[in-house]
Protein backbone atom coordinates (compact mmCIF):
# COMPACT_ATOMS: atom_id res chain seq x y z
CA MET A 1 124.36 106.86 100.58
CA LYS A 2 121.07 105.50 101.83
CA LYS A 3 120.31 108.59 103.72
CA TRP A 4 121.13 110.78 100.68
CA LYS A 5 118.64 108.73 98.46
CA HIS A 6 115.86 109.17 101.02
CA THR A 7 116.57 113.00 101.19
CA LEU A 8 116.45 113.09 97.39
CA GLY A 9 113.30 111.09 97.15
CA ALA A 10 111.63 113.27 99.66
CA ALA A 11 112.62 116.44 97.75
CA VAL A 12 111.15 114.98 94.51
CA LEU A 13 107.88 113.92 96.29
CA ALA A 14 107.54 117.44 97.92
CA ALA A 15 108.04 118.98 94.52
CA SER A 16 105.36 116.87 93.06
CA LEU A 17 102.84 117.59 95.87
CA LEU A 18 103.58 121.25 95.41
CA THR A 19 102.53 121.31 91.76
CA GLY A 20 99.03 122.03 90.64
CA GLY A 21 98.54 118.74 89.27
CA VAL A 22 98.83 116.88 92.49
CA ALA A 23 96.95 119.08 95.11
CA PHE A 24 93.58 117.91 96.31
CA ALA A 25 90.69 118.86 93.99
CA GLU A 26 88.32 121.20 95.88
CA GLY A 27 84.71 120.89 95.14
CA GLU A 28 85.24 119.19 91.71
CA GLU A 29 86.63 115.98 90.42
CA ALA A 30 90.02 116.01 88.71
CA GLU A 31 90.18 116.50 84.89
CA ALA A 32 92.06 114.41 82.47
CA PRO A 33 95.66 115.29 81.95
CA VAL A 34 96.16 117.81 79.09
CA ALA A 35 98.99 118.48 76.81
CA VAL A 36 101.69 121.08 77.55
CA GLU A 37 102.93 123.24 74.72
CA THR A 38 106.58 124.08 74.54
CA VAL A 39 108.34 127.03 73.05
CA ASP A 40 110.79 124.98 70.99
CA GLU A 41 109.53 124.54 67.44
CA GLU A 42 111.50 121.31 67.05
CA ALA A 43 109.96 119.92 70.32
CA ASP A 44 106.46 121.01 69.04
CA ARG A 45 106.80 118.45 66.17
CA GLU A 46 107.31 115.70 68.86
CA ALA A 47 104.66 114.24 70.98
CA PRO A 48 103.46 116.67 73.79
CA VAL A 49 104.37 115.94 77.42
CA ALA A 50 101.16 115.14 79.52
CA GLU A 51 100.42 117.23 82.51
CA ALA A 52 97.89 116.71 85.20
CA ALA A 53 95.04 119.28 85.47
CA PRO A 54 95.46 121.92 88.08
CA ALA A 55 93.43 121.45 91.09
CA ALA A 56 90.74 124.02 92.14
CA GLY A 57 91.37 126.37 95.12
CA GLU A 58 95.08 126.56 94.49
CA GLU A 59 96.67 130.14 94.23
CA PRO A 60 97.22 131.32 90.76
CA ALA A 61 100.77 131.29 89.47
CA PRO A 62 102.56 134.63 89.80
CA ALA A 63 103.15 136.84 86.78
CA GLU A 64 106.02 135.96 84.55
CA SER A 65 109.08 138.10 85.06
CA GLU A 66 111.41 139.15 82.26
CA SER A 67 114.05 136.61 83.43
CA THR A 68 111.40 133.90 83.30
CA VAL A 69 110.32 134.78 79.79
CA ALA A 70 113.96 134.90 78.67
CA ALA A 71 114.58 131.48 80.18
CA GLU A 72 111.58 130.07 78.35
CA GLU A 73 113.09 131.23 74.97
CA THR A 74 115.87 128.64 75.40
CA PRO A 75 115.11 125.00 74.47
CA THR A 76 114.11 122.95 77.54
CA VAL A 77 113.49 119.31 78.24
CA GLY A 78 109.99 118.37 79.31
CA LEU A 79 109.77 117.01 82.83
CA PRO A 80 108.00 113.62 83.40
CA ASN A 81 104.51 113.96 84.88
CA PRO A 82 104.46 112.51 88.35
CA TYR A 83 100.62 112.18 88.29
CA ILE A 84 99.64 108.94 86.62
CA GLU A 85 96.02 107.60 86.37
CA TYR A 86 95.11 103.81 86.59
CA PRO A 87 91.90 102.16 85.46
CA ASP A 88 91.06 100.96 88.96
CA VAL A 89 92.44 100.63 92.54
CA PRO A 90 93.98 97.02 92.05
CA ALA A 91 95.90 98.28 89.11
CA LEU A 92 97.16 101.27 91.13
CA GLU A 93 98.19 98.89 94.02
CA ARG A 94 100.16 96.74 91.71
CA ALA A 95 102.06 99.73 90.24
CA ILE A 96 102.91 101.35 93.52
CA GLY A 97 103.58 98.22 95.38
CA PHE A 98 101.53 98.65 98.58
CA PRO A 99 97.93 98.31 99.56
CA VAL A 100 95.66 101.39 99.46
CA LEU A 101 92.99 102.51 101.95
CA TYR A 102 89.41 102.72 100.57
CA LEU A 103 86.04 103.77 101.59
CA PRO A 104 84.40 102.65 104.72
CA ASN A 105 81.53 100.11 104.06
CA ASN A 106 78.74 102.54 104.74
CA PHE A 107 80.10 105.02 102.12
CA TYR A 108 79.92 102.47 99.30
CA ALA A 109 76.34 103.21 98.20
CA LEU A 110 77.03 106.91 97.56
CA TYR A 111 80.67 106.94 96.50
CA HIS A 112 81.92 103.75 95.11
CA PRO A 113 83.60 103.31 92.72
CA ALA A 114 86.54 105.79 92.80
CA VAL A 115 86.11 108.28 89.91
CA HIS A 116 89.87 108.62 89.52
CA ALA A 117 92.68 106.51 90.83
CA PHE A 118 96.18 108.30 90.65
CA SER A 119 99.62 107.63 91.80
CA ILE A 120 101.90 110.62 92.63
CA ALA A 121 105.61 110.20 91.76
CA GLY A 122 104.94 106.34 92.27
CA GLN A 123 104.93 107.10 96.16
CA VAL A 124 101.39 108.38 97.02
CA ALA A 125 97.93 106.78 96.11
CA ASP A 126 95.42 109.42 95.32
CA LEU A 127 91.68 108.25 94.99
CA ARG A 128 88.84 110.65 94.01
CA PHE A 129 85.27 109.97 94.92
CA LYS A 130 82.11 111.97 93.97
CA SER A 131 78.68 111.62 95.51
CA LYS A 132 75.88 110.05 93.43
CA ALA A 133 73.44 112.18 95.37
CA ASP A 134 74.97 115.81 95.56
CA ASP A 135 78.06 117.66 94.68
CA SER A 136 80.14 116.45 97.63
CA THR A 137 83.57 115.03 97.00
CA ILE A 138 86.19 112.95 98.88
CA THR A 139 89.84 112.79 98.06
CA LEU A 140 91.90 110.04 99.89
CA ARG A 141 95.56 109.71 99.89
CA THR A 142 97.70 106.84 101.24
CA ALA A 143 101.49 106.36 101.51
CA LEU A 144 104.13 104.39 103.24
CA PHE A 145 106.05 106.46 105.69
CA GLU A 146 109.21 104.37 105.12
CA ARG A 147 109.03 105.58 101.48
CA VAL A 148 107.96 109.13 101.69
CA ARG A 149 109.51 110.01 104.94
CA THR A 150 106.90 112.74 105.75
CA LYS A 151 103.64 112.63 107.65
CA ASP A 152 102.14 115.38 105.38
CA ILE A 153 100.99 114.16 101.87
CA SER A 154 97.95 116.49 101.86
CA GLY A 155 99.49 118.75 99.23
CA PHE A 156 98.17 121.83 101.16
CA TYR A 157 100.75 124.25 102.34
CA GLY A 158 100.34 127.73 103.91
CA VAL A 159 97.18 126.65 105.67
CA GLU A 160 96.66 126.74 109.44
CA TRP A 161 96.57 123.27 111.02
CA THR A 162 94.97 122.40 114.33
CA THR A 163 95.40 119.18 116.13
CA GLN A 164 92.16 117.51 117.37
CA HIS A 165 90.76 114.12 118.31
CA ALA A 166 89.12 112.22 115.55
CA GLY A 167 86.21 111.02 117.80
CA ASP A 168 87.01 107.36 117.76
CA VAL A 169 87.51 105.16 120.78
CA LYS A 170 91.28 105.42 120.58
CA ARG A 171 90.99 109.30 120.52
CA THR A 172 93.41 109.35 117.42
CA LYS A 173 95.00 112.70 116.90
CA VAL A 174 94.53 114.24 113.53
CA ASP A 175 95.74 117.68 112.02
CA ILE A 176 92.76 119.57 110.42
CA ALA A 177 92.75 122.71 108.20
CA VAL A 178 90.08 124.53 106.29
CA THR A 179 90.73 126.12 103.04
CA PRO A 180 89.31 129.67 102.09
CA ASN A 181 86.73 127.89 99.85
CA GLY A 182 85.58 125.74 102.73
CA THR A 183 87.29 122.41 101.81
CA LYS A 184 88.24 120.55 105.01
CA VAL A 185 91.70 118.72 104.86
CA VAL A 186 92.79 116.13 107.41
CA ARG A 187 96.26 114.46 107.84
CA TRP A 188 97.21 111.67 110.19
CA SER A 189 99.33 108.48 110.47
CA ALA A 190 98.63 104.83 111.51
CA GLY A 191 101.42 102.13 111.77
CA ARG A 192 103.51 102.23 108.71
CA PHE A 193 101.06 104.45 106.67
CA VAL A 194 100.34 108.08 106.41
CA PHE A 195 96.90 109.42 105.12
CA ALA A 196 95.24 112.58 104.10
CA LEU A 197 91.63 113.41 103.41
CA ALA A 198 90.08 116.46 101.52
CA LEU A 199 86.21 116.60 101.89
CA SER A 200 84.19 119.13 100.10
CA GLY A 201 80.47 119.90 100.42
CA PHE A 202 80.23 118.55 103.90
CA ASP A 203 78.86 120.61 106.90
CA ASP A 204 80.50 120.40 110.27
CA ASN A 205 78.33 117.54 111.62
CA ALA A 206 78.68 115.46 108.38
CA PHE A 207 82.54 116.13 108.48
CA LYS A 208 82.87 114.68 111.99
CA SER A 209 81.00 111.62 111.07
CA VAL A 210 83.04 111.07 107.92
CA LEU A 211 86.41 111.75 109.71
CA LYS A 212 85.59 109.29 112.45
CA ASN A 213 84.65 106.58 109.88
CA PHE A 214 87.78 106.95 107.88
CA VAL A 215 90.07 107.05 111.00
CA VAL A 216 88.58 103.85 112.36
CA VAL A 217 88.83 102.11 108.94
CA ALA A 218 92.48 103.38 108.62
CA ASP A 219 93.39 101.96 112.02
CA ARG A 220 92.18 98.63 111.04
CA PHE A 221 93.84 98.89 107.64
CA ALA A 222 97.34 99.73 109.26
CA HIS A 223 96.82 96.77 111.65
CA LYS A 224 96.02 94.21 108.81
CA TYR A 225 98.87 95.48 106.73
CA ARG A 226 101.55 95.99 109.35
CA ASN A 227 103.78 93.23 108.20
CA PHE A 228 103.02 93.17 104.54
CA THR A 229 106.06 92.89 102.03
CA LEU A 230 106.66 95.51 99.36
CA ASN A 231 106.44 94.10 95.83
CA LYS A 232 109.72 93.30 94.45
CA PRO A 233 111.23 95.23 91.48
CA LYS A 234 110.24 94.01 88.06
CA LYS A 235 113.63 92.34 87.39
CA GLN A 236 113.33 90.29 90.55
CA ASN A 237 109.89 89.28 89.84
CA LYS A 238 111.13 87.96 86.40
CA ASP A 239 113.92 86.12 88.09
CA ALA A 240 111.52 84.55 90.50
CA ALA A 241 109.07 83.51 87.65
CA ALA A 242 111.85 81.77 85.83
CA GLU A 243 112.86 79.85 89.00
CA ALA A 244 109.36 78.94 89.57
CA ALA A 245 109.00 77.66 86.03
CA ALA A 246 112.36 75.68 86.43
CA ALA A 247 111.30 73.99 89.72
CA PRO A 248 108.65 71.65 88.26
CA ALA A 249 111.20 70.46 85.70
CA GLN A 250 113.83 69.67 88.41
CA GLU A 251 111.26 67.95 90.56
CA THR A 252 110.12 65.88 87.63
CA ALA A 253 113.68 64.70 86.95
CA ALA A 254 114.23 63.90 90.64
CA ALA A 255 111.09 61.83 90.76
CA ALA A 256 111.82 59.92 87.52
CA SER A 257 111.52 56.09 87.74
CA PRO A 258 114.79 53.96 87.08
CA GLN A 259 113.26 52.81 83.72
CA GLU A 260 112.69 56.27 82.68
CA THR A 261 116.25 57.30 83.71
CA ALA A 262 117.57 54.38 81.76
CA ALA A 263 115.55 55.23 78.59
CA ALA A 264 116.85 58.66 78.78
CA ALA A 265 120.45 57.69 79.17
CA SER A 266 122.99 58.16 76.13
CA PRO A 267 124.30 55.05 74.25
CA GLN A 268 127.66 55.70 75.80
CA GLU A 269 126.21 55.52 79.27
CA THR A 270 124.25 52.52 78.54
CA ALA A 271 127.38 50.76 77.07
CA ALA A 272 129.40 51.59 80.16
CA ALA A 273 126.75 50.22 82.54
CA GLU A 274 126.37 46.96 80.49
CA ALA A 275 130.17 46.34 80.33
CA PRO A 276 130.59 44.85 83.92
CA GLU A 277 127.55 42.57 83.40
CA ALA A 278 129.13 41.17 80.31
CA ALA A 279 132.41 40.55 82.05
CA LYS A 280 130.58 38.41 84.70
């Protein structure tokens, strides 16, 4: 049963990564989600379902066939959008339950803070950065392998990957691909984590430097969080909070003085305790 759940989760994540809303933005920052129109008039009167903006560089959707048009004429249920934006990285980390790789220190001046912080199907963190000096962009993705069960979270398929050394001391092996519009995509793993980078607006020399910096930081990150514990589900968190709130009351009762205990006793208990004394 557990294996089946992993397989289903991987299929859902793969479908999310394949949609236009979750592929890396190439040469431009992601736009805010837009509303999707439905063909059912009844559904039109309800709130529209949000859909993430399509990424640049992705192949256009094929022309609709007659069967597709016919299928759209029947009422359909809107699918949930796997692409959710959060106000900042800490909020994103709290939502997905694991730490997220961020910029190397020497990139803060030009790229901090992240322009967008997304989660993809609640499994992949997707951060978007845009240079303050030019049009270069960085998209950085982080995921836990034990959750996604894949080492490719890049969102790019049908590209030619080559394995190279990242240029760091450990000679980390990474897979690199270049899209038709020149965006450089990298995927690799370290410890429990898998990562992906998409760099737009960087020449070859700058790309090598950026790649080395991110791989080194990712290695340190994976080592630091090698034993971290995933956040508990919300229900468990509530139970834990209730237990924590009850603990001080129990400790207070246990530490109460004999006088306080006697004062709190019921009249019946007090009378029962005084009876032997009266008999003496």
